[in-house]
Amino acid sequence: MPTSLPATPSPLPHPNTAGYDDIPQFSAAAPLPFRRTIRRHELHQIVPLAETTVYEMEQRGEFPKRFRLTPRCVVWDLEEVEAWIEERKRASRAAKSSTPVGPDVRRRLYRPVR
């Protein structure tokens, strides 16, 4: 009785080679099946602001709100934090071309610059 060996799978093509685009992959636009949350220490690695600054910005509505998973576990939605960072980046780049960097030193009362 002859035994047949399983066919060896062909190696996958490398990126930027023929056939790579034909490999079935997840759509880049497909959302993850879950929402990623981050805890305080992860937030401070992403956004290097003091805890009180983050809290005050949350109270003013300038930063994504935290929420409680349990009575002792506070988290932020990573997607909201990343969107906030992108918004700040766009606003900073747009304002950089239209506003001066610092105060007008010619208006100083002491040691005016000519």
PDB file of N, CA and C in Angstrom:
ATOM      1  N   MET A   1       0.854  -1.167   0.000  1.00  0.00           N
ATOM      2  CA  MET A   1       0.000   0.000   0.000  1.00  0.00           C
ATOM      3  C   MET A   1       0.903   1.234   0.000  1.00  0.00           C
ATOM      4  N   PRO A   2       0.859   2.029  -1.045  1.00  0.00           N
ATOM      5  CA  PRO A   2       1.743   3.192  -1.119  1.00  0.00           C
ATOM      6  C   PRO A   2       1.214   4.331  -0.243  1.00  0.00           C
ATOM      7  N   THR A   3       2.108   4.977   0.420  1.00  0.00           N
ATOM      8  CA  THR A   3       1.721   6.143   1.224  1.00  0.00           C
ATOM      9  C   THR A   3       2.117   7.400   0.469  1.00  0.00           C
ATOM     10  N   SER A   4       1.215   8.327   0.457  1.00  0.00           N
ATOM     11  CA  SER A   4       1.529   9.578  -0.238  1.00  0.00           C
ATOM     12  C   SER A   4       1.978  10.612   0.787  1.00  0.00           C
ATOM     13  N   LEU A   5       3.015  11.272   0.451  1.00  0.00           N
ATOM     14  CA  LEU A   5       3.525  12.325   1.314  1.00  0.00           C
ATOM     15  C   LEU A   5       2.720  13.599   1.064  1.00  0.00           C
ATOM     16  N   PRO A   6       2.498  14.358   2.112  1.00  0.00           N
ATOM     17  CA  PRO A   6       1.782  15.607   1.889  1.00  0.00           C
ATOM     18  C   PRO A   6       2.622  16.543   1.028  1.00  0.00           C
ATOM     19  N   ALA A   7       1.942  17.263   0.187  1.00  0.00           N
ATOM     20  CA  ALA A   7       2.638  18.207  -0.683  1.00  0.00           C
ATOM     21  C   ALA A   7       3.255  19.311   0.170  1.00  0.00           C
ATOM     22  N   THR A   8       4.492  19.618  -0.138  1.00  0.00           N
ATOM     23  CA  THR A   8       5.143  20.687   0.614  1.00  0.00           C
ATOM     24  C   THR A   8       4.612  22.025   0.112  1.00  0.00           C
ATOM     25  N   PRO A   9       4.244  22.873   1.024  1.00  0.00           N
ATOM     26  CA  PRO A   9       3.719  24.159   0.586  1.00  0.00           C
ATOM     27  C   PRO A   9       4.822  25.001  -0.038  1.00  0.00           C
ATOM     28  N   SER A  10       4.433  25.755  -1.033  1.00  0.00           N
ATOM     29  CA  SER A  10       5.416  26.627  -1.670  1.00  0.00           C
ATOM     30  C   SER A  10       5.699  27.808  -0.741  1.00  0.00           C
ATOM     31  N   PRO A  11       6.901  28.303  -0.770  1.00  0.00           N
ATOM     32  CA  PRO A  11       7.215  29.427   0.119  1.00  0.00           C
ATOM     33  C   PRO A  11       6.425  30.670  -0.282  1.00  0.00           C
ATOM     34  N   LEU A  12       6.143  31.481   0.701  1.00  0.00           N
ATOM     35  CA  LEU A  12       5.406  32.711   0.432  1.00  0.00           C
ATOM     36  C   LEU A  12       6.311  33.718  -0.264  1.00  0.00           C
ATOM     37  N   PRO A  13       5.752  34.478  -1.191  1.00  0.00           N
ATOM     38  CA  PRO A  13       6.580  35.484  -1.863  1.00  0.00           C
ATOM     39  C   PRO A  13       6.937  36.626  -0.911  1.00  0.00           C
ATOM     40  N   HIS A  14       8.068  37.208  -1.148  1.00  0.00           N
ATOM     41  CA  HIS A  14       8.530  38.332  -0.339  1.00  0.00           C
ATOM     42  C   HIS A  14       7.822  39.614  -0.767  1.00  0.00           C
ATOM     43  N   PRO A  15       7.786  40.607   0.116  1.00  0.00           N
ATOM     44  CA  PRO A  15       7.176  41.885  -0.266  1.00  0.00           C
ATOM     45  C   PRO A  15       7.852  42.477  -1.498  1.00  0.00           C
ATOM     46  N   ASN A  16       7.079  43.167  -2.293  1.00  0.00           N
ATOM     47  CA  ASN A  16       7.525  43.826  -3.525  1.00  0.00           C
ATOM     48  C   ASN A  16       8.008  42.838  -4.577  1.00  0.00           C
ATOM     49  N   THR A  17       7.500  41.597  -4.537  1.00  0.00           N
ATOM     50  CA  THR A  17       7.800  40.633  -5.588  1.00  0.00           C
ATOM     51  C   THR A  17       6.492  40.194  -6.216  1.00  0.00           C
ATOM     52  N   ALA A  18       6.609  39.507  -7.344  1.00  0.00           N
ATOM     53  CA  ALA A  18       5.414  39.045  -8.048  1.00  0.00           C
ATOM     54  C   ALA A  18       4.649  38.062  -7.170  1.00  0.00           C
ATOM     55  N   GLY A  19       3.359  38.200  -7.109  1.00  0.00           N
ATOM     56  CA  GLY A  19       2.519  37.305  -6.347  1.00  0.00           C
ATOM     57  C   GLY A  19       2.265  37.736  -4.918  1.00  0.00           C
ATOM     58  N   TYR A  20       2.995  38.711  -4.434  1.00  0.00           N
ATOM     59  CA  TYR A  20       2.810  39.136  -3.039  1.00  0.00           C
ATOM     60  C   TYR A  20       1.435  39.755  -2.834  1.00  0.00           C
ATOM     61  N   ASP A  21       0.977  40.535  -3.801  1.00  0.00           N
ATOM     62  CA  ASP A  21      -0.323  41.198  -3.666  1.00  0.00           C
ATOM     63  C   ASP A  21      -1.491  40.222  -3.760  1.00  0.00           C
ATOM     64  N   ASP A  22      -1.251  39.014  -4.257  1.00  0.00           N
ATOM     65  CA  ASP A  22      -2.324  38.027  -4.382  1.00  0.00           C
ATOM     66  C   ASP A  22      -2.560  37.239  -3.101  1.00  0.00           C
ATOM     67  N   ILE A  23      -1.694  37.389  -2.111  1.00  0.00           N
ATOM     68  CA  ILE A  23      -1.861  36.670  -0.852  1.00  0.00           C
ATOM     69  C   ILE A  23      -3.043  37.275  -0.108  1.00  0.00           C
ATOM     70  N   PRO A  24      -4.003  36.468   0.334  1.00  0.00           N
ATOM     71  CA  PRO A  24      -5.130  37.043   1.079  1.00  0.00           C
ATOM     72  C   PRO A  24      -4.660  37.588   2.422  1.00  0.00           C
ATOM     73  N   GLN A  25      -5.017  38.827   2.670  1.00  0.00           N
ATOM     74  CA  GLN A  25      -4.644  39.477   3.918  1.00  0.00           C
ATOM     75  C   GLN A  25      -5.841  40.236   4.436  1.00  0.00           C
ATOM     76  N   PHE A  26      -5.738  40.679   5.673  1.00  0.00           N
ATOM     77  CA  PHE A  26      -6.802  41.494   6.234  1.00  0.00           C
ATOM     78  C   PHE A  26      -6.808  42.841   5.545  1.00  0.00           C
ATOM     79  N   SER A  27      -7.958  43.383   5.375  1.00  0.00           N
ATOM     80  CA  SER A  27      -8.086  44.702   4.789  1.00  0.00           C
ATOM     81  C   SER A  27      -7.453  45.729   5.717  1.00  0.00           C
ATOM     82  N   ALA A  28      -6.762  46.692   5.130  1.00  0.00           N
ATOM     83  CA  ALA A  28      -6.126  47.731   5.948  1.00  0.00           C
ATOM     84  C   ALA A  28      -7.166  48.611   6.623  1.00  0.00           C
ATOM     85  N   ALA A  29      -8.356  48.711   6.036  1.00  0.00           N
ATOM     86  CA  ALA A  29      -9.397  49.564   6.604  1.00  0.00           C
ATOM     87  C   ALA A  29     -10.257  48.835   7.629  1.00  0.00           C
ATOM     88  N   ALA A  30     -10.078  47.535   7.758  1.00  0.00           N
ATOM     89  CA  ALA A  30     -10.919  46.779   8.688  1.00  0.00           C
ATOM     90  C   ALA A  30     -10.536  47.112  10.122  1.00  0.00           C
ATOM     91  N   PRO A  31     -11.493  47.439  10.961  1.00  0.00           N
ATOM     92  CA  PRO A  31     -11.169  47.752  12.354  1.00  0.00           C
ATOM     93  C   PRO A  31     -10.838  46.485  13.133  1.00  0.00           C
ATOM     94  N   LEU A  32     -10.101  46.666  14.189  1.00  0.00           N
ATOM     95  CA  LEU A  32      -9.819  45.535  15.067  1.00  0.00           C
ATOM     96  C   LEU A  32     -11.112  45.090  15.734  1.00  0.00           C
ATOM     97  N   PRO A  33     -11.216  43.840  16.119  1.00  0.00           N
ATOM     98  CA  PRO A  33     -12.461  43.376  16.729  1.00  0.00           C
ATOM     99  C   PRO A  33     -12.647  43.865  18.162  1.00  0.00           C
ATOM    100  N   PHE A  34     -11.709  44.609  18.693  1.00  0.00           N
ATOM    101  CA  PHE A  34     -11.818  45.101  20.062  1.00  0.00           C
ATOM    102  C   PHE A  34     -11.226  46.503  20.120  1.00  0.00           C
ATOM    103  N   ARG A  35     -11.567  47.226  21.166  1.00  0.00           N
ATOM    104  CA  ARG A  35     -11.018  48.564  21.390  1.00  0.00           C
ATOM    105  C   ARG A  35      -9.850  48.432  22.353  1.00  0.00           C
ATOM    106  N   ARG A  36      -8.719  48.942  21.994  1.00  0.00           N
ATOM    107  CA  ARG A  36      -7.525  48.868  22.837  1.00  0.00           C
ATOM    108  C   ARG A  36      -7.587  49.981  23.866  1.00  0.00           C
ATOM    109  N   THR A  37      -7.368  49.637  25.107  1.00  0.00           N
ATOM    110  CA  THR A  37      -7.320  50.625  26.176  1.00  0.00           C
ATOM    111  C   THR A  37      -5.920  50.640  26.763  1.00  0.00           C
ATOM    112  N   ILE A  38      -5.555  51.775  27.332  1.00  0.00           N
ATOM    113  CA  ILE A  38      -4.236  51.908  27.935  1.00  0.00           C
ATOM    114  C   ILE A  38      -4.381  52.417  29.357  1.00  0.00           C
ATOM    115  N   ARG A  39      -3.479  51.984  30.204  1.00  0.00           N
ATOM    116  CA  ARG A  39      -3.486  52.420  31.600  1.00  0.00           C
ATOM    117  C   ARG A  39      -2.604  53.651  31.752  1.00  0.00           C
ATOM    118  N   ARG A  40      -2.548  54.172  32.951  1.00  0.00           N
ATOM    119  CA  ARG A  40      -1.865  55.443  33.220  1.00  0.00           C
ATOM    120  C   ARG A  40      -0.398  55.437  32.787  1.00  0.00           C
ATOM    121  N   HIS A  41       0.341  54.383  33.124  1.00  0.00           N
ATOM    122  CA  HIS A  41       1.769  54.370  32.785  1.00  0.00           C
ATOM    123  C   HIS A  41       1.984  54.330  31.281  1.00  0.00           C
ATOM    124  N   GLU A  42       1.104  53.647  30.541  1.00  0.00           N
ATOM    125  CA  GLU A  42       1.214  53.635  29.085  1.00  0.00           C
ATOM    126  C   GLU A  42       0.858  55.000  28.501  1.00  0.00           C
ATOM    127  N   LEU A  43      -0.133  55.653  29.093  1.00  0.00           N
ATOM    128  CA  LEU A  43      -0.518  56.986  28.627  1.00  0.00           C
ATOM    129  C   LEU A  43       0.650  57.950  28.766  1.00  0.00           C
ATOM    130  N   HIS A  44       1.361  57.887  29.880  1.00  0.00           N
ATOM    131  CA  HIS A  44       2.468  58.810  30.103  1.00  0.00           C
ATOM    132  C   HIS A  44       3.679  58.486  29.237  1.00  0.00           C
ATOM    133  N   GLN A  45       3.758  57.278  28.705  1.00  0.00           N
ATOM    134  CA  GLN A  45       4.799  56.974  27.725  1.00  0.00           C
ATOM    135  C   GLN A  45       4.448  57.579  26.374  1.00  0.00           C
ATOM    136  N   ILE A  46       3.160  57.641  26.062  1.00  0.00           N
ATOM    137  CA  ILE A  46       2.706  58.196  24.785  1.00  0.00           C
ATOM    138  C   ILE A  46       2.617  59.715  24.850  1.00  0.00           C
ATOM    139  N   VAL A  47       2.033  60.229  25.925  1.00  0.00           N
ATOM    140  CA  VAL A  47       1.820  61.670  26.102  1.00  0.00           C
ATOM    141  C   VAL A  47       2.599  62.102  27.343  1.00  0.00           C
ATOM    142  N   PRO A  48       3.760  62.719  27.165  1.00  0.00           N
ATOM    143  CA  PRO A  48       4.587  63.065  28.330  1.00  0.00           C
ATOM    144  C   PRO A  48       4.127  64.338  29.035  1.00  0.00           C
ATOM    145  N   LEU A  49       2.941  64.291  29.582  1.00  0.00           N
ATOM    146  CA  LEU A  49       2.402  65.399  30.367  1.00  0.00           C
ATOM    147  C   LEU A  49       2.242  64.944  31.808  1.00  0.00           C
ATOM    148  N   ALA A  50       2.285  65.894  32.726  1.00  0.00           N
ATOM    149  CA  ALA A  50       2.092  65.571  34.138  1.00  0.00           C
ATOM    150  C   ALA A  50       0.664  65.095  34.369  1.00  0.00           C
ATOM    151  N   GLU A  51       0.479  64.293  35.403  1.00  0.00           N
ATOM    152  CA  GLU A  51      -0.855  63.764  35.709  1.00  0.00           C
ATOM    153  C   GLU A  51      -1.859  64.877  35.957  1.00  0.00           C
ATOM    154  N   THR A  52      -1.433  65.928  36.653  1.00  0.00           N
ATOM    155  CA  THR A  52      -2.366  67.030  36.921  1.00  0.00           C
ATOM    156  C   THR A  52      -2.728  67.769  35.641  1.00  0.00           C
ATOM    157  N   THR A  53      -1.784  67.893  34.719  1.00  0.00           N
ATOM    158  CA  THR A  53      -2.077  68.540  33.439  1.00  0.00           C
ATOM    159  C   THR A  53      -3.099  67.738  32.663  1.00  0.00           C
ATOM    160  N   VAL A  54      -2.924  66.418  32.618  1.00  0.00           N
ATOM    161  CA  VAL A  54      -3.883  65.554  31.923  1.00  0.00           C
ATOM    162  C   VAL A  54      -5.256  65.676  32.579  1.00  0.00           C
ATOM    163  N   TYR A  55      -5.304  65.653  33.903  1.00  0.00           N
ATOM    164  CA  TYR A  55      -6.573  65.753  34.624  1.00  0.00           C
ATOM    165  C   TYR A  55      -7.264  67.085  34.329  1.00  0.00           C
ATOM    166  N   GLU A  56      -6.516  68.186  34.385  1.00  0.00           N
ATOM    167  CA  GLU A  56      -7.107  69.497  34.123  1.00  0.00           C
ATOM    168  C   GLU A  56      -7.587  69.616  32.680  1.00  0.00           C
ATOM    169  N   MET A  57      -6.829  69.054  31.742  1.00  0.00           N
ATOM    170  CA  MET A  57      -7.254  69.088  30.338  1.00  0.00           C
ATOM    171  C   MET A  57      -8.516  68.255  30.134  1.00  0.00           C
ATOM    172  N   GLU A  58      -8.625  67.133  30.839  1.00  0.00           N
ATOM    173  CA  GLU A  58      -9.850  66.323  30.772  1.00  0.00           C
ATOM    174  C   GLU A  58     -11.048  67.116  31.285  1.00  0.00           C
ATOM    175  N   GLN A  59     -10.861  67.827  32.386  1.00  0.00           N
ATOM    176  CA  GLN A  59     -11.963  68.592  32.975  1.00  0.00           C
ATOM    177  C   GLN A  59     -12.422  69.715  32.049  1.00  0.00           C
ATOM    178  N   ARG A  60     -11.480  70.293  31.280  1.00  0.00           N
ATOM    179  CA  ARG A  60     -11.827  71.358  30.338  1.00  0.00           C
ATOM    180  C   ARG A  60     -12.328  70.812  29.005  1.00  0.00           C
ATOM    181  N   GLY A  61     -12.267  69.488  28.811  1.00  0.00           N
ATOM    182  CA  GLY A  61     -12.703  68.882  27.553  1.00  0.00           C
ATOM    183  C   GLY A  61     -11.663  68.956  26.454  1.00  0.00           C
ATOM    184  N   GLU A  62     -10.404  69.152  26.815  1.00  0.00           N
ATOM    185  CA  GLU A  62      -9.323  69.267  25.837  1.00  0.00           C
ATOM    186  C   GLU A  62      -8.545  67.966  25.653  1.00  0.00           C
ATOM    187  N   PHE A  63      -8.892  66.930  26.384  1.00  0.00           N
ATOM    188  CA  PHE A  63      -8.178  65.657  26.328  1.00  0.00           C
ATOM    189  C   PHE A  63      -9.209  64.542  26.459  1.00  0.00           C
ATOM    190  N   PRO A  64      -8.972  63.374  25.844  1.00  0.00           N
ATOM    191  CA  PRO A  64      -9.934  62.268  25.979  1.00  0.00           C
ATOM    192  C   PRO A  64     -10.176  61.894  27.436  1.00  0.00           C
ATOM    193  N   LYS A  65     -11.424  61.614  27.748  1.00  0.00           N
ATOM    194  CA  LYS A  65     -11.807  61.268  29.127  1.00  0.00           C
ATOM    195  C   LYS A  65     -11.380  59.845  29.466  1.00  0.00           C
ATOM    196  N   ARG A  66     -10.970  59.662  30.698  1.00  0.00           N
ATOM    197  CA  ARG A  66     -10.671  58.325  31.220  1.00  0.00           C
ATOM    198  C   ARG A  66     -11.979  57.664  31.635  1.00  0.00           C
ATOM    199  N   PHE A  67     -11.940  56.360  31.782  1.00  0.00           N
ATOM    200  CA  PHE A  67     -13.101  55.653  32.326  1.00  0.00           C
ATOM    201  C   PHE A  67     -12.613  54.486  33.162  1.00  0.00           C
ATOM    202  N   ARG A  68     -13.482  54.019  34.033  1.00  0.00           N
ATOM    203  CA  ARG A  68     -13.120  52.954  34.971  1.00  0.00           C
ATOM    204  C   ARG A  68     -13.552  51.590  34.433  1.00  0.00           C
ATOM    205  N   LEU A  69     -12.606  50.652  34.432  1.00  0.00           N
ATOM    206  CA  LEU A  69     -12.946  49.257  34.142  1.00  0.00           C
ATOM    207  C   LEU A  69     -13.409  48.577  35.418  1.00  0.00           C
ATOM    208  N   THR A  70     -12.715  48.869  36.490  1.00  0.00           N
ATOM    209  CA  THR A  70     -13.064  48.371  37.822  1.00  0.00           C
ATOM    210  C   THR A  70     -12.910  49.552  38.776  1.00  0.00           C
ATOM    211  N   PRO A  71     -13.284  49.405  40.034  1.00  0.00           N
ATOM    212  CA  PRO A  71     -13.114  50.530  40.959  1.00  0.00           C
ATOM    213  C   PRO A  71     -11.667  51.017  41.095  1.00  0.00           C
ATOM    214  N   ARG A  72     -10.696  50.153  40.809  1.00  0.00           N
ATOM    215  CA  ARG A  72      -9.293  50.554  40.966  1.00  0.00           C
ATOM    216  C   ARG A  72      -8.523  50.632  39.662  1.00  0.00           C
ATOM    217  N   CYS A  73      -9.166  50.423  38.532  1.00  0.00           N
ATOM    218  CA  CYS A  73      -8.474  50.407  37.240  1.00  0.00           C
ATOM    219  C   CYS A  73      -9.059  51.482  36.327  1.00  0.00           C
ATOM    220  N   VAL A  74      -8.246  52.495  36.034  1.00  0.00           N
ATOM    221  CA  VAL A  74      -8.656  53.597  35.169  1.00  0.00           C
ATOM    222  C   VAL A  74      -7.905  53.470  33.851  1.00  0.00           C
ATOM    223  N   VAL A  75      -8.612  53.613  32.729  1.00  0.00           N
ATOM    224  CA  VAL A  75      -7.994  53.464  31.414  1.00  0.00           C
ATOM    225  C   VAL A  75      -8.473  54.564  30.471  1.00  0.00           C
ATOM    226  N   TRP A  76      -7.729  54.726  29.372  1.00  0.00           N
ATOM    227  CA  TRP A  76      -8.097  55.623  28.287  1.00  0.00           C
ATOM    228  C   TRP A  76      -8.213  54.791  27.021  1.00  0.00           C
ATOM    229  N   ASP A  77      -9.036  55.244  26.098  1.00  0.00           N
ATOM    230  CA  ASP A  77      -9.180  54.592  24.806  1.00  0.00           C
ATOM    231  C   ASP A  77      -7.993  55.017  23.937  1.00  0.00           C
ATOM    232  N   LEU A  78      -7.198  54.057  23.480  1.00  0.00           N
ATOM    233  CA  LEU A  78      -5.996  54.358  22.706  1.00  0.00           C
ATOM    234  C   LEU A  78      -6.340  55.090  21.417  1.00  0.00           C
ATOM    235  N   GLU A  79      -7.420  54.708  20.770  1.00  0.00           N
ATOM    236  CA  GLU A  79      -7.814  55.354  19.518  1.00  0.00           C
ATOM    237  C   GLU A  79      -8.117  56.837  19.740  1.00  0.00           C
ATOM    238  N   GLU A  80      -8.785  57.170  20.839  1.00  0.00           N
ATOM    239  CA  GLU A  80      -9.088  58.569  21.146  1.00  0.00           C
ATOM    240  C   GLU A  80      -7.814  59.354  21.446  1.00  0.00           C
ATOM    241  N   VAL A  81      -6.880  58.743  22.165  1.00  0.00           N
ATOM    242  CA  VAL A  81      -5.622  59.416  22.495  1.00  0.00           C
ATOM    243  C   VAL A  81      -4.811  59.660  21.222  1.00  0.00           C
ATOM    244  N   GLU A  82      -4.738  58.662  20.340  1.00  0.00           N
ATOM    245  CA  GLU A  82      -4.000  58.835  19.088  1.00  0.00           C
ATOM    246  C   GLU A  82      -4.649  59.899  18.213  1.00  0.00           C
ATOM    247  N   ALA A  83      -5.982  59.947  18.183  1.00  0.00           N
ATOM    248  CA  ALA A  83      -6.680  60.983  17.416  1.00  0.00           C
ATOM    249  C   ALA A  83      -6.381  62.362  17.996  1.00  0.00           C
ATOM    250  N   TRP A  84      -6.318  62.470  19.325  1.00  0.00           N
ATOM    251  CA  TRP A  84      -5.985  63.738  19.974  1.00  0.00           C
ATOM    252  C   TRP A  84      -4.573  64.185  19.591  1.00  0.00           C
ATOM    253  N   ILE A  85      -3.626  63.240  19.569  1.00  0.00           N
ATOM    254  CA  ILE A  85      -2.246  63.565  19.194  1.00  0.00           C
ATOM    255  C   ILE A  85      -2.195  64.061  17.752  1.00  0.00           C
ATOM    256  N   GLU A  86      -2.876  63.372  16.846  1.00  0.00           N
ATOM    257  CA  GLU A  86      -2.889  63.789  15.441  1.00  0.00           C
ATOM    258  C   GLU A  86      -3.516  65.169  15.280  1.00  0.00           C
ATOM    259  N   GLU A  87      -4.580  65.438  16.032  1.00  0.00           N
ATOM    260  CA  GLU A  87      -5.221  66.753  15.979  1.00  0.00           C
ATOM    261  C   GLU A  87      -4.253  67.834  16.448  1.00  0.00           C
ATOM    262  N   ARG A  88      -3.541  67.574  17.542  1.00  0.00           N
ATOM    263  CA  ARG A  88      -2.572  68.541  18.051  1.00  0.00           C
ATOM    264  C   ARG A  88      -1.427  68.751  17.059  1.00  0.00           C
ATOM    265  N   LYS A  89      -1.017  67.668  16.401  1.00  0.00           N
ATOM    266  CA  LYS A  89       0.058  67.766  15.421  1.00  0.00           C
ATOM    267  C   LYS A  89      -0.368  68.642  14.245  1.00  0.00           C
ATOM    268  N   ARG A  90      -1.583  68.408  13.727  1.00  0.00           N
ATOM    269  CA  ARG A  90      -2.088  69.222  12.610  1.00  0.00           C
ATOM    270  C   ARG A  90      -2.234  70.681  13.019  1.00  0.00           C
ATOM    271  N   ALA A  91      -2.773  70.933  14.208  1.00  0.00           N
ATOM    272  CA  ALA A  91      -2.958  72.310  14.672  1.00  0.00           C
ATOM    273  C   ALA A  91      -1.615  73.005  14.852  1.00  0.00           C
ATOM    274  N   SER A  92      -0.635  72.294  15.361  1.00  0.00           N
ATOM    275  CA  SER A  92       0.685  72.872  15.572  1.00  0.00           C
ATOM    276  C   SER A  92       1.346  73.219  14.247  1.00  0.00           C
ATOM    277  N   ARG A  93       1.233  72.333  13.277  1.00  0.00           N
ATOM    278  CA  ARG A  93       1.851  72.588  11.971  1.00  0.00           C
ATOM    279  C   ARG A  93       1.143  73.707  11.223  1.00  0.00           C
ATOM    280  N   ALA A  94      -0.164  73.800  11.376  1.00  0.00           N
ATOM    281  CA  ALA A  94      -0.913  74.869  10.714  1.00  0.00           C
ATOM    282  C   ALA A  94      -0.603  76.215  11.356  1.00  0.00           C
ATOM    283  N   ALA A  95      -0.451  76.246  12.663  1.00  0.00           N
ATOM    284  CA  ALA A  95      -0.194  77.498  13.372  1.00  0.00           C
ATOM    285  C   ALA A  95       1.253  77.946  13.232  1.00  0.00           C
ATOM    286  N   LYS A  96       2.148  77.026  12.959  1.00  0.00           N
ATOM    287  CA  LYS A  96       3.566  77.361  12.890  1.00  0.00           C
ATOM    288  C   LYS A  96       3.844  78.376  11.787  1.00  0.00           C
ATOM    289  N   SER A  97       3.118  78.297  10.690  1.00  0.00           N
ATOM    290  CA  SER A  97       3.376  79.202   9.581  1.00  0.00           C
ATOM    291  C   SER A  97       2.708  80.557   9.763  1.00  0.00           C
ATOM    292  N   SER A  98       1.695  80.658  10.623  1.00  0.00           N
ATOM    293  CA  SER A  98       0.941  81.902  10.721  1.00  0.00           C
ATOM    294  C   SER A  98       1.205  82.710  11.985  1.00  0.00           C
ATOM    295  N   THR A  99       1.745  82.125  13.025  1.00  0.00           N
ATOM    296  CA  THR A  99       1.935  82.865  14.271  1.00  0.00           C
ATOM    297  C   THR A  99       3.413  82.985  14.599  1.00  0.00           C
ATOM    298  N   PRO A 100       3.799  84.071  15.258  1.00  0.00           N
ATOM    299  CA  PRO A 100       5.200  84.197  15.660  1.00  0.00           C
ATOM    300  C   PRO A 100       5.547  83.184  16.749  1.00  0.00           C
ATOM    301  N   VAL A 101       6.823  82.884  16.846  1.00  0.00           N
ATOM    302  CA  VAL A 101       7.279  81.873  17.791  1.00  0.00           C
ATOM    303  C   VAL A 101       7.188  82.360  19.230  1.00  0.00           C
ATOM    304  N   GLY A 102       7.547  83.586  19.480  1.00  0.00           N
ATOM    305  CA  GLY A 102       7.560  84.085  20.848  1.00  0.00           C
ATOM    306  C   GLY A 102       6.928  85.459  20.939  1.00  0.00           C
ATOM    307  N   PRO A 103       7.038  86.090  22.088  1.00  0.00           N
ATOM    308  CA  PRO A 103       6.465  87.426  22.241  1.00  0.00           C
ATOM    309  C   PRO A 103       7.260  88.449  21.436  1.00  0.00           C
ATOM    310  N   ASP A 104       6.621  89.551  21.129  1.00  0.00           N
ATOM    311  CA  ASP A 104       7.269  90.622  20.388  1.00  0.00           C
ATOM    312  C   ASP A 104       8.236  91.336  21.325  1.00  0.00           C
ATOM    313  N   VAL A 105       9.529  91.123  21.136  1.00  0.00           N
ATOM    314  CA  VAL A 105      10.533  91.683  22.039  1.00  0.00           C
ATOM    315  C   VAL A 105      10.665  93.185  21.874  1.00  0.00           C
ATOM    316  N   ARG A 106      10.171  93.746  20.791  1.00  0.00           N
ATOM    317  CA  ARG A 106      10.249  95.197  20.594  1.00  0.00           C
ATOM    318  C   ARG A 106       9.293  95.943  21.512  1.00  0.00           C
ATOM    319  N   ARG A 107       8.319  95.249  22.100  1.00  0.00           N
ATOM    320  CA  ARG A 107       7.348  95.892  22.976  1.00  0.00           C
ATOM    321  C   ARG A 107       7.746  95.823  24.447  1.00  0.00           C
ATOM    322  N   ARG A 108       8.919  95.293  24.736  1.00  0.00           N
ATOM    323  CA  ARG A 108       9.374  95.203  26.123  1.00  0.00           C
ATOM    324  C   ARG A 108       9.599  96.594  26.711  1.00  0.00           C
ATOM    325  N   LEU A 109       9.319  96.730  28.005  1.00  0.00           N
ATOM    326  CA  LEU A 109       9.575  97.990  28.690  1.00  0.00           C
ATOM    327  C   LEU A 109      11.033  98.091  29.105  1.00  0.00           C
ATOM    328  N   TYR A 110      11.630  96.982  29.470  1.00  0.00           N
ATOM    329  CA  TYR A 110      13.023  96.953  29.877  1.00  0.00           C
ATOM    330  C   TYR A 110      13.824  96.218  28.822  1.00  0.00           C
ATOM    331  N   ARG A 111      14.957  96.743  28.492  1.00  0.00           N
ATOM    332  CA  ARG A 111      15.857  96.171  27.487  1.00  0.00           C
ATOM    333  C   ARG A 111      15.151  95.909  26.167  1.00  0.00           C
ATOM    334  N   PRO A 112      14.526  96.925  25.561  1.00  0.00           N
ATOM    335  CA  PRO A 112      13.878  96.698  24.269  1.00  0.00           C
ATOM    336  C   PRO A 112      14.918  96.410  23.188  1.00  0.00           C
ATOM    337  N   VAL A 113      14.536  95.635  22.225  1.00  0.00           N
ATOM    338  CA  VAL A 113      15.405  95.297  21.105  1.00  0.00           C
ATOM    339  C   VAL A 113      15.093  96.258  19.973  1.00  0.00           C
ATOM    340  N   ARG A 114      16.116  96.816  19.360  1.00  0.00           N
ATOM    341  CA  ARG A 114      15.903  97.789  18.275  1.00  0.00           C
ATOM    342  C   ARG A 114      15.760  97.123  16.953  1.00  0.00           C
TER     343      ARG A 114
END
